Amino acid sequence: MNDPSGAHAADELRARVETASTGTPYRYRWTERGFDLVVDVPLPGGRRVHTYRVVLLPAERTFTLTDVVHTHERGPFGTTRRTVETGRARYRTWSRSLDGSERHSFSSADGHRLIRGVTEELGWRERKPAAQKGALVAGAIGGLVALGTLIALAVAFWP
């Protein structure tokens, strides 16, 4: 049966990601526009919740992947600090329990690989979020301005 909206493909993708995340530290959460994979990241003196937010565009068989990282850290004298980062997060953590019996490690790349592995198998393409495209453009413009400044300085101060 022809599915012009791509709804069947989106449902299949959601089901495959949910199955792939079963038995892993990732918690699958269905959303209106796609799905989230959520994982608790152990931190000494705090906690971090990393959410891989996937928005599906079924008609185009494309998706966007955005990391949302909530960090809650305990500081001195009972102070706390909460931060939220959104975009593309790449980091690794390692920690060990106080008695040394448990070791924990986390790499944000593992969640990216899980999602991209399933999407590639099903023929979906990743589309960069608008914020990431904007950051790339801003970085390129900044690099060109810096290069132009260096060239202008070299010309102005050439012996």
N, C-alpha and C. Protein backbone atom coordinates (compact mmCIF):
# COMPACT_ATOMS: atom_id res chain seq x y z
N MET A 1 0.85 -1.17 0.00
CA MET A 1 0.00 0.00 0.00
C MET A 1 0.89 1.23 0.00
N ASN A 2 0.54 2.22 -0.80
CA ASN A 2 1.31 3.45 -0.91
C ASN A 2 1.00 4.35 0.29
N ASP A 3 2.05 4.85 0.95
CA ASP A 3 1.88 5.70 2.12
C ASP A 3 2.55 7.04 1.84
N PRO A 4 1.83 7.99 1.21
CA PRO A 4 2.45 9.24 0.83
C PRO A 4 2.94 10.06 2.01
N SER A 5 2.32 9.91 3.18
CA SER A 5 2.73 10.71 4.34
C SER A 5 3.98 10.14 5.01
N GLY A 6 4.29 8.91 4.74
CA GLY A 6 5.46 8.30 5.37
C GLY A 6 5.19 7.86 6.80
N ALA A 7 3.94 7.88 7.25
CA ALA A 7 3.61 7.53 8.63
C ALA A 7 4.03 6.10 8.96
N HIS A 8 3.84 5.18 8.01
CA HIS A 8 4.23 3.79 8.26
C HIS A 8 5.75 3.69 8.46
N ALA A 9 6.51 4.40 7.63
CA ALA A 9 7.97 4.39 7.76
C ALA A 9 8.40 4.97 9.10
N ALA A 10 7.72 6.02 9.55
CA ALA A 10 8.04 6.63 10.84
C ALA A 10 7.74 5.66 11.98
N ASP A 11 6.60 4.97 11.90
CA ASP A 11 6.25 3.99 12.93
C ASP A 11 7.25 2.85 12.98
N GLU A 12 7.69 2.40 11.79
CA GLU A 12 8.69 1.33 11.73
C GLU A 12 10.01 1.80 12.36
N LEU A 13 10.42 3.02 12.04
CA LEU A 13 11.65 3.56 12.61
C LEU A 13 11.55 3.65 14.12
N ARG A 14 10.44 4.18 14.63
CA ARG A 14 10.25 4.27 16.08
C ARG A 14 10.34 2.89 16.74
N ALA A 15 9.67 1.92 16.14
CA ALA A 15 9.67 0.57 16.71
C ALA A 15 11.07 -0.03 16.71
N ARG A 16 11.82 0.19 15.64
CA ARG A 16 13.18 -0.37 15.56
C ARG A 16 14.11 0.27 16.59
N VAL A 17 13.98 1.59 16.78
CA VAL A 17 14.82 2.26 17.78
C VAL A 17 14.43 1.80 19.18
N GLU A 18 13.14 1.65 19.42
CA GLU A 18 12.70 1.17 20.74
C GLU A 18 13.26 -0.22 21.01
N THR A 19 13.22 -1.09 20.01
CA THR A 19 13.77 -2.44 20.16
C THR A 19 15.28 -2.39 20.36
N ALA A 20 15.97 -1.56 19.60
CA ALA A 20 17.44 -1.46 19.72
C ALA A 20 17.86 -0.92 21.08
N SER A 21 17.01 -0.12 21.72
CA SER A 21 17.37 0.46 23.01
C SER A 21 16.98 -0.43 24.19
N THR A 22 16.22 -1.49 23.93
CA THR A 22 15.82 -2.40 25.00
C THR A 22 17.06 -3.10 25.56
N GLY A 23 17.14 -3.13 26.88
CA GLY A 23 18.29 -3.77 27.54
C GLY A 23 19.52 -2.88 27.64
N THR A 24 19.37 -1.63 27.24
CA THR A 24 20.47 -0.66 27.33
C THR A 24 20.09 0.37 28.40
N PRO A 25 21.00 1.24 28.77
CA PRO A 25 20.64 2.28 29.75
C PRO A 25 19.68 3.34 29.19
N TYR A 26 19.43 3.31 27.89
CA TYR A 26 18.58 4.32 27.27
C TYR A 26 17.11 4.02 27.50
N ARG A 27 16.35 5.06 27.83
CA ARG A 27 14.90 4.94 27.97
C ARG A 27 14.27 5.56 26.74
N TYR A 28 13.47 4.79 26.04
CA TYR A 28 12.79 5.26 24.83
C TYR A 28 11.53 6.00 25.24
N ARG A 29 11.27 7.14 24.59
CA ARG A 29 10.06 7.91 24.86
C ARG A 29 9.49 8.39 23.53
N TRP A 30 8.27 7.97 23.22
CA TRP A 30 7.58 8.39 22.01
C TRP A 30 7.19 9.85 22.16
N THR A 31 7.36 10.65 21.11
CA THR A 31 6.89 12.03 21.11
C THR A 31 6.02 12.24 19.88
N GLU A 32 5.30 13.34 19.89
CA GLU A 32 4.39 13.65 18.78
C GLU A 32 5.12 13.71 17.44
N ARG A 33 6.34 14.30 17.45
CA ARG A 33 7.06 14.51 16.20
C ARG A 33 8.16 13.49 15.95
N GLY A 34 8.38 12.55 16.86
CA GLY A 34 9.45 11.58 16.70
C GLY A 34 9.63 10.76 17.95
N PHE A 35 10.81 10.86 18.57
CA PHE A 35 11.05 10.13 19.81
C PHE A 35 12.26 10.74 20.52
N ASP A 36 12.38 10.41 21.80
CA ASP A 36 13.55 10.77 22.60
C ASP A 36 14.17 9.50 23.12
N LEU A 37 15.49 9.49 23.21
CA LEU A 37 16.20 8.48 23.98
C LEU A 37 16.81 9.24 25.15
N VAL A 38 16.56 8.77 26.36
CA VAL A 38 17.00 9.48 27.56
C VAL A 38 17.90 8.55 28.36
N VAL A 39 19.00 9.09 28.86
CA VAL A 39 19.92 8.29 29.67
C VAL A 39 20.43 9.14 30.83
N ASP A 40 20.52 8.51 32.01
CA ASP A 40 21.11 9.15 33.17
C ASP A 40 22.61 8.92 33.13
N VAL A 41 23.37 10.01 33.28
CA VAL A 41 24.83 9.93 33.22
C VAL A 41 25.37 10.16 34.63
N PRO A 42 26.06 9.17 35.19
CA PRO A 42 26.59 9.36 36.54
C PRO A 42 27.70 10.41 36.56
N LEU A 43 27.62 11.30 37.53
CA LEU A 43 28.63 12.34 37.71
C LEU A 43 29.01 12.37 39.18
N PRO A 44 30.27 12.54 39.48
CA PRO A 44 30.61 12.74 40.88
C PRO A 44 30.06 14.09 41.35
N GLY A 45 29.28 14.09 42.40
CA GLY A 45 28.75 15.34 42.93
C GLY A 45 27.58 15.90 42.17
N GLY A 46 26.86 15.08 41.43
CA GLY A 46 25.71 15.59 40.70
C GLY A 46 25.12 14.55 39.79
N ARG A 47 24.31 15.03 38.89
CA ARG A 47 23.74 14.11 37.90
C ARG A 47 23.50 14.85 36.60
N ARG A 48 23.46 14.09 35.54
CA ARG A 48 23.23 14.64 34.21
C ARG A 48 22.23 13.73 33.52
N VAL A 49 21.28 14.34 32.84
CA VAL A 49 20.32 13.58 32.04
C VAL A 49 20.52 14.03 30.59
N HIS A 50 20.91 13.08 29.76
CA HIS A 50 21.18 13.36 28.34
C HIS A 50 20.00 12.84 27.53
N THR A 51 19.37 13.73 26.78
CA THR A 51 18.24 13.36 25.92
C THR A 51 18.65 13.55 24.47
N TYR A 52 18.50 12.50 23.70
CA TYR A 52 18.70 12.55 22.25
C TYR A 52 17.31 12.79 21.67
N ARG A 53 17.04 14.00 21.20
CA ARG A 53 15.72 14.35 20.69
C ARG A 53 15.73 14.19 19.17
N VAL A 54 14.87 13.32 18.68
CA VAL A 54 14.80 13.03 17.24
C VAL A 54 13.45 13.49 16.72
N VAL A 55 13.48 14.36 15.73
CA VAL A 55 12.27 14.83 15.05
C VAL A 55 12.27 14.21 13.66
N LEU A 56 11.19 13.52 13.36
CA LEU A 56 11.08 12.82 12.07
C LEU A 56 10.31 13.66 11.06
N LEU A 57 10.79 13.65 9.83
CA LEU A 57 10.10 14.28 8.70
C LEU A 57 9.80 13.15 7.71
N PRO A 58 8.73 12.40 7.98
CA PRO A 58 8.45 11.16 7.24
C PRO A 58 8.29 11.33 5.75
N ALA A 59 7.68 12.43 5.30
CA ALA A 59 7.46 12.62 3.87
C ALA A 59 8.78 12.66 3.11
N GLU A 60 9.83 13.16 3.77
CA GLU A 60 11.16 13.26 3.15
C GLU A 60 12.09 12.13 3.57
N ARG A 61 11.62 11.30 4.53
CA ARG A 61 12.46 10.25 5.14
C ARG A 61 13.76 10.86 5.68
N THR A 62 13.62 12.00 6.36
CA THR A 62 14.76 12.65 7.00
C THR A 62 14.42 12.86 8.48
N PHE A 63 15.45 13.15 9.26
CA PHE A 63 15.26 13.40 10.69
C PHE A 63 16.31 14.40 11.16
N THR A 64 16.00 15.06 12.27
CA THR A 64 16.99 15.90 12.94
C THR A 64 17.28 15.27 14.29
N LEU A 65 18.50 15.40 14.73
CA LEU A 65 18.96 14.85 16.01
C LEU A 65 19.56 15.99 16.82
N THR A 66 18.97 16.26 17.98
CA THR A 66 19.44 17.34 18.85
C THR A 66 19.67 16.76 20.24
N ASP A 67 20.79 17.11 20.84
CA ASP A 67 21.09 16.70 22.21
C ASP A 67 20.58 17.77 23.17
N VAL A 68 19.89 17.33 24.21
CA VAL A 68 19.45 18.22 25.29
C VAL A 68 20.04 17.63 26.57
N VAL A 69 20.94 18.38 27.21
CA VAL A 69 21.66 17.87 28.37
C VAL A 69 21.33 18.72 29.59
N HIS A 70 20.67 18.10 30.58
CA HIS A 70 20.34 18.75 31.85
C HIS A 70 21.37 18.29 32.88
N THR A 71 22.07 19.24 33.49
CA THR A 71 23.07 18.91 34.50
C THR A 71 22.68 19.57 35.82
N HIS A 72 22.78 18.79 36.89
CA HIS A 72 22.50 19.28 38.24
C HIS A 72 23.72 18.93 39.09
N GLU A 73 24.45 19.96 39.50
CA GLU A 73 25.67 19.74 40.28
C GLU A 73 25.52 20.34 41.66
N ARG A 74 26.02 19.60 42.66
CA ARG A 74 26.03 20.09 44.03
C ARG A 74 27.37 20.77 44.28
N GLY A 75 27.30 21.94 44.90
CA GLY A 75 28.50 22.69 45.19
C GLY A 75 28.74 22.78 46.67
N PRO A 76 29.65 23.65 47.08
CA PRO A 76 29.97 23.79 48.50
C PRO A 76 28.81 24.45 49.26
N PHE A 77 28.69 24.10 50.52
CA PHE A 77 27.71 24.70 51.43
C PHE A 77 26.27 24.49 50.96
N GLY A 78 26.01 23.37 50.33
CA GLY A 78 24.66 23.04 49.91
C GLY A 78 24.16 23.77 48.68
N THR A 79 25.03 24.46 47.98
CA THR A 79 24.61 25.15 46.77
C THR A 79 24.43 24.16 45.63
N THR A 80 23.59 24.52 44.70
CA THR A 80 23.39 23.69 43.51
C THR A 80 23.43 24.57 42.28
N ARG A 81 23.78 23.93 41.19
CA ARG A 81 23.81 24.63 39.91
C ARG A 81 23.14 23.73 38.88
N ARG A 82 22.20 24.31 38.16
CA ARG A 82 21.49 23.57 37.10
C ARG A 82 21.76 24.25 35.77
N THR A 83 22.09 23.44 34.77
CA THR A 83 22.30 23.98 33.44
C THR A 83 21.57 23.11 32.42
N VAL A 84 21.23 23.72 31.30
CA VAL A 84 20.63 23.00 30.18
C VAL A 84 21.39 23.41 28.94
N GLU A 85 21.91 22.43 28.21
CA GLU A 85 22.60 22.67 26.95
C GLU A 85 21.80 22.00 25.84
N THR A 86 21.64 22.72 24.75
CA THR A 86 20.91 22.18 23.61
C THR A 86 21.78 22.33 22.37
N GLY A 87 21.80 21.34 21.54
CA GLY A 87 22.60 21.38 20.32
C GLY A 87 23.21 20.02 20.08
N ARG A 88 24.48 20.00 19.76
CA ARG A 88 25.19 18.74 19.56
C ARG A 88 26.22 18.62 20.66
N ALA A 89 26.06 17.64 21.53
CA ALA A 89 26.96 17.45 22.65
C ALA A 89 27.82 16.23 22.40
N ARG A 90 29.11 16.41 22.52
CA ARG A 90 30.05 15.29 22.39
C ARG A 90 30.94 15.30 23.61
N TYR A 91 30.82 14.26 24.42
CA TYR A 91 31.64 14.18 25.62
C TYR A 91 31.68 12.74 26.13
N ARG A 92 32.66 12.48 26.99
CA ARG A 92 32.82 11.19 27.65
C ARG A 92 32.97 11.46 29.14
N THR A 93 32.44 10.57 29.95
CA THR A 93 32.65 10.67 31.39
C THR A 93 33.08 9.31 31.91
N TRP A 94 33.86 9.35 32.96
CA TRP A 94 34.26 8.15 33.68
C TRP A 94 34.10 8.45 35.16
N SER A 95 33.62 7.50 35.91
CA SER A 95 33.53 7.68 37.35
C SER A 95 33.60 6.32 38.03
N ARG A 96 33.83 6.36 39.31
CA ARG A 96 33.95 5.15 40.11
C ARG A 96 33.26 5.40 41.45
N SER A 97 32.63 4.38 42.00
CA SER A 97 31.99 4.53 43.30
C SER A 97 33.06 4.80 44.35
N LEU A 98 32.64 5.34 45.49
CA LEU A 98 33.60 5.71 46.54
C LEU A 98 34.44 4.53 47.01
N ASP A 99 33.84 3.35 47.07
CA ASP A 99 34.61 2.18 47.51
C ASP A 99 35.35 1.50 46.36
N GLY A 100 35.19 2.01 45.15
CA GLY A 100 35.91 1.48 43.99
C GLY A 100 35.31 0.24 43.38
N SER A 101 34.15 -0.19 43.89
CA SER A 101 33.56 -1.43 43.40
C SER A 101 32.83 -1.27 42.06
N GLU A 102 32.32 -0.08 41.78
CA GLU A 102 31.58 0.13 40.54
C GLU A 102 32.27 1.18 39.68
N ARG A 103 32.36 0.88 38.40
CA ARG A 103 32.92 1.83 37.44
C ARG A 103 31.84 2.19 36.45
N HIS A 104 31.75 3.48 36.13
CA HIS A 104 30.76 3.95 35.18
C HIS A 104 31.46 4.73 34.08
N SER A 105 31.01 4.54 32.87
CA SER A 105 31.52 5.36 31.78
C SER A 105 30.35 5.67 30.85
N PHE A 106 30.47 6.79 30.17
CA PHE A 106 29.43 7.20 29.24
C PHE A 106 30.08 7.96 28.10
N SER A 107 29.62 7.70 26.89
CA SER A 107 30.04 8.46 25.72
C SER A 107 28.78 8.87 24.98
N SER A 108 28.64 10.18 24.74
CA SER A 108 27.46 10.66 24.02
C SER A 108 27.41 10.09 22.61
N ALA A 109 28.55 9.69 22.08
CA ALA A 109 28.60 9.14 20.72
C ALA A 109 27.85 7.81 20.62
N ASP A 110 27.74 7.07 21.73
CA ASP A 110 27.05 5.78 21.68
C ASP A 110 25.58 5.94 21.31
N GLY A 111 24.91 6.94 21.88
CA GLY A 111 23.50 7.19 21.54
C GLY A 111 23.34 7.64 20.09
N HIS A 112 24.29 8.49 19.65
CA HIS A 112 24.26 8.93 18.25
C HIS A 112 24.38 7.72 17.31
N ARG A 113 25.32 6.82 17.64
CA ARG A 113 25.52 5.63 16.81
C ARG A 113 24.29 4.72 16.78
N LEU A 114 23.65 4.56 17.94
CA LEU A 114 22.46 3.71 18.00
C LEU A 114 21.38 4.26 17.07
N ILE A 115 21.12 5.55 17.17
CA ILE A 115 20.07 6.17 16.35
C ILE A 115 20.45 6.14 14.87
N ARG A 116 21.67 6.55 14.57
CA ARG A 116 22.09 6.59 13.16
C ARG A 116 22.17 5.21 12.54
N GLY A 117 22.52 4.22 13.32
CA GLY A 117 22.59 2.85 12.80
C GLY A 117 21.22 2.38 12.31
N VAL A 118 20.20 2.60 13.13
CA VAL A 118 18.84 2.18 12.75
C VAL A 118 18.34 3.02 11.58
N THR A 119 18.55 4.32 11.61
CA THR A 119 18.04 5.17 10.54
C THR A 119 18.70 4.84 9.20
N GLU A 120 20.00 4.56 9.23
CA GLU A 120 20.69 4.19 7.98
C GLU A 120 20.16 2.88 7.42
N GLU A 121 19.92 1.90 8.30
CA GLU A 121 19.39 0.61 7.85
C GLU A 121 18.06 0.79 7.12
N LEU A 122 17.27 1.75 7.57
CA LEU A 122 15.94 1.96 6.99
C LEU A 122 15.92 3.02 5.89
N GLY A 123 17.09 3.56 5.55
CA GLY A 123 17.18 4.50 4.44
C GLY A 123 16.81 5.94 4.79
N TRP A 124 16.85 6.31 6.05
CA TRP A 124 16.58 7.68 6.46
C TRP A 124 17.88 8.48 6.40
N ARG A 125 17.76 9.80 6.15
CA ARG A 125 18.93 10.70 6.10
C ARG A 125 18.82 11.71 7.23
N GLU A 126 19.97 12.04 7.79
CA GLU A 126 19.98 13.06 8.85
C GLU A 126 20.03 14.44 8.23
N ARG A 127 19.26 15.31 8.79
CA ARG A 127 19.22 16.70 8.36
C ARG A 127 19.72 17.53 9.55
N LYS A 128 20.63 18.43 9.30
CA LYS A 128 21.18 19.24 10.38
C LYS A 128 20.13 20.22 10.88
N PRO A 129 20.01 20.38 12.22
CA PRO A 129 19.07 21.38 12.74
C PRO A 129 19.49 22.78 12.30
N ALA A 130 18.53 23.68 12.22
CA ALA A 130 18.79 25.06 11.77
C ALA A 130 19.85 25.73 12.62
N ALA A 131 19.84 25.51 13.93
CA ALA A 131 20.82 26.14 14.81
C ALA A 131 22.24 25.67 14.47
N GLN A 132 22.38 24.40 14.13
CA GLN A 132 23.69 23.87 13.78
C GLN A 132 24.17 24.46 12.46
N LYS A 133 23.26 24.60 11.51
CA LYS A 133 23.63 25.22 10.24
C LYS A 133 24.05 26.67 10.46
N GLY A 134 23.31 27.38 11.30
CA GLY A 134 23.65 28.77 11.61
C GLY A 134 25.01 28.89 12.27
N ALA A 135 25.33 27.97 13.16
CA ALA A 135 26.63 28.00 13.83
C ALA A 135 27.75 27.75 12.82
N LEU A 136 27.53 26.86 11.87
CA LEU A 136 28.54 26.61 10.84
C LEU A 136 28.78 27.85 9.99
N VAL A 137 27.70 28.51 9.61
CA VAL A 137 27.82 29.73 8.80
C VAL A 137 28.55 30.81 9.59
N ALA A 138 28.16 31.00 10.86
CA ALA A 138 28.80 32.01 11.70
C ALA A 138 30.29 31.71 11.88
N GLY A 139 30.63 30.44 12.05
CA GLY A 139 32.03 30.05 12.18
C GLY A 139 32.81 30.33 10.91
N ALA A 140 32.22 30.03 9.77
CA ALA A 140 32.90 30.29 8.49
C ALA A 140 33.10 31.79 8.28
N ILE A 141 32.09 32.59 8.59
CA ILE A 141 32.23 34.04 8.45
C ILE A 141 33.29 34.57 9.40
N GLY A 142 33.29 34.09 10.63
CA GLY A 142 34.32 34.50 11.60
C GLY A 142 35.72 34.15 11.13
N GLY A 143 35.87 32.98 10.55
CA GLY A 143 37.17 32.57 10.01
C GLY A 143 37.61 33.45 8.87
N LEU A 144 36.68 33.80 7.98
CA LEU A 144 37.02 34.69 6.86
C LEU A 144 37.40 36.08 7.34
N VAL A 145 36.69 36.59 8.34
CA VAL A 145 37.02 37.91 8.91
C VAL A 145 38.41 37.87 9.52
N ALA A 146 38.71 36.82 10.27
CA ALA A 146 40.04 36.70 10.89
C ALA A 146 41.13 36.62 9.82
N LEU A 147 40.89 35.85 8.77
CA LEU A 147 41.86 35.73 7.69
C LEU A 147 42.06 37.08 7.00
N GLY A 148 40.95 37.79 6.73
CA GLY A 148 41.05 39.11 6.12
C GLY A 148 41.83 40.09 6.99
N THR A 149 41.62 40.02 8.30
CA THR A 149 42.34 40.90 9.23
C THR A 149 43.84 40.59 9.19
N LEU A 150 44.19 39.32 9.19
CA LEU A 150 45.61 38.94 9.13
C LEU A 150 46.26 39.41 7.84
N ILE A 151 45.55 39.27 6.73
CA ILE A 151 46.09 39.72 5.44
C ILE A 151 46.26 41.24 5.45
N ALA A 152 45.26 41.97 5.97
CA ALA A 152 45.34 43.43 6.04
C ALA A 152 46.51 43.87 6.91
N LEU A 153 46.72 43.20 8.04
CA LEU A 153 47.84 43.53 8.93
C LEU A 153 49.18 43.24 8.25
N ALA A 154 49.25 42.13 7.52
CA ALA A 154 50.49 41.78 6.83
C ALA A 154 50.82 42.82 5.76
N VAL A 155 49.80 43.26 5.03
CA VAL A 155 50.02 44.29 3.99
C VAL A 155 50.40 45.63 4.63
N ALA A 156 49.72 45.99 5.70
CA ALA A 156 49.97 47.29 6.35
C ALA A 156 51.37 47.36 6.97
N PHE A 157 51.83 46.26 7.51
CA PHE A 157 53.11 46.28 8.23
C PHE A 157 54.23 45.57 7.46
N TRP A 158 54.05 45.38 6.17
CA TRP A 158 55.10 44.72 5.35
C TRP A 158 56.29 45.67 5.25
N PRO A 159 57.50 45.18 5.50
CA PRO A 159 58.68 46.07 5.48
C PRO A 159 59.03 46.61 4.13
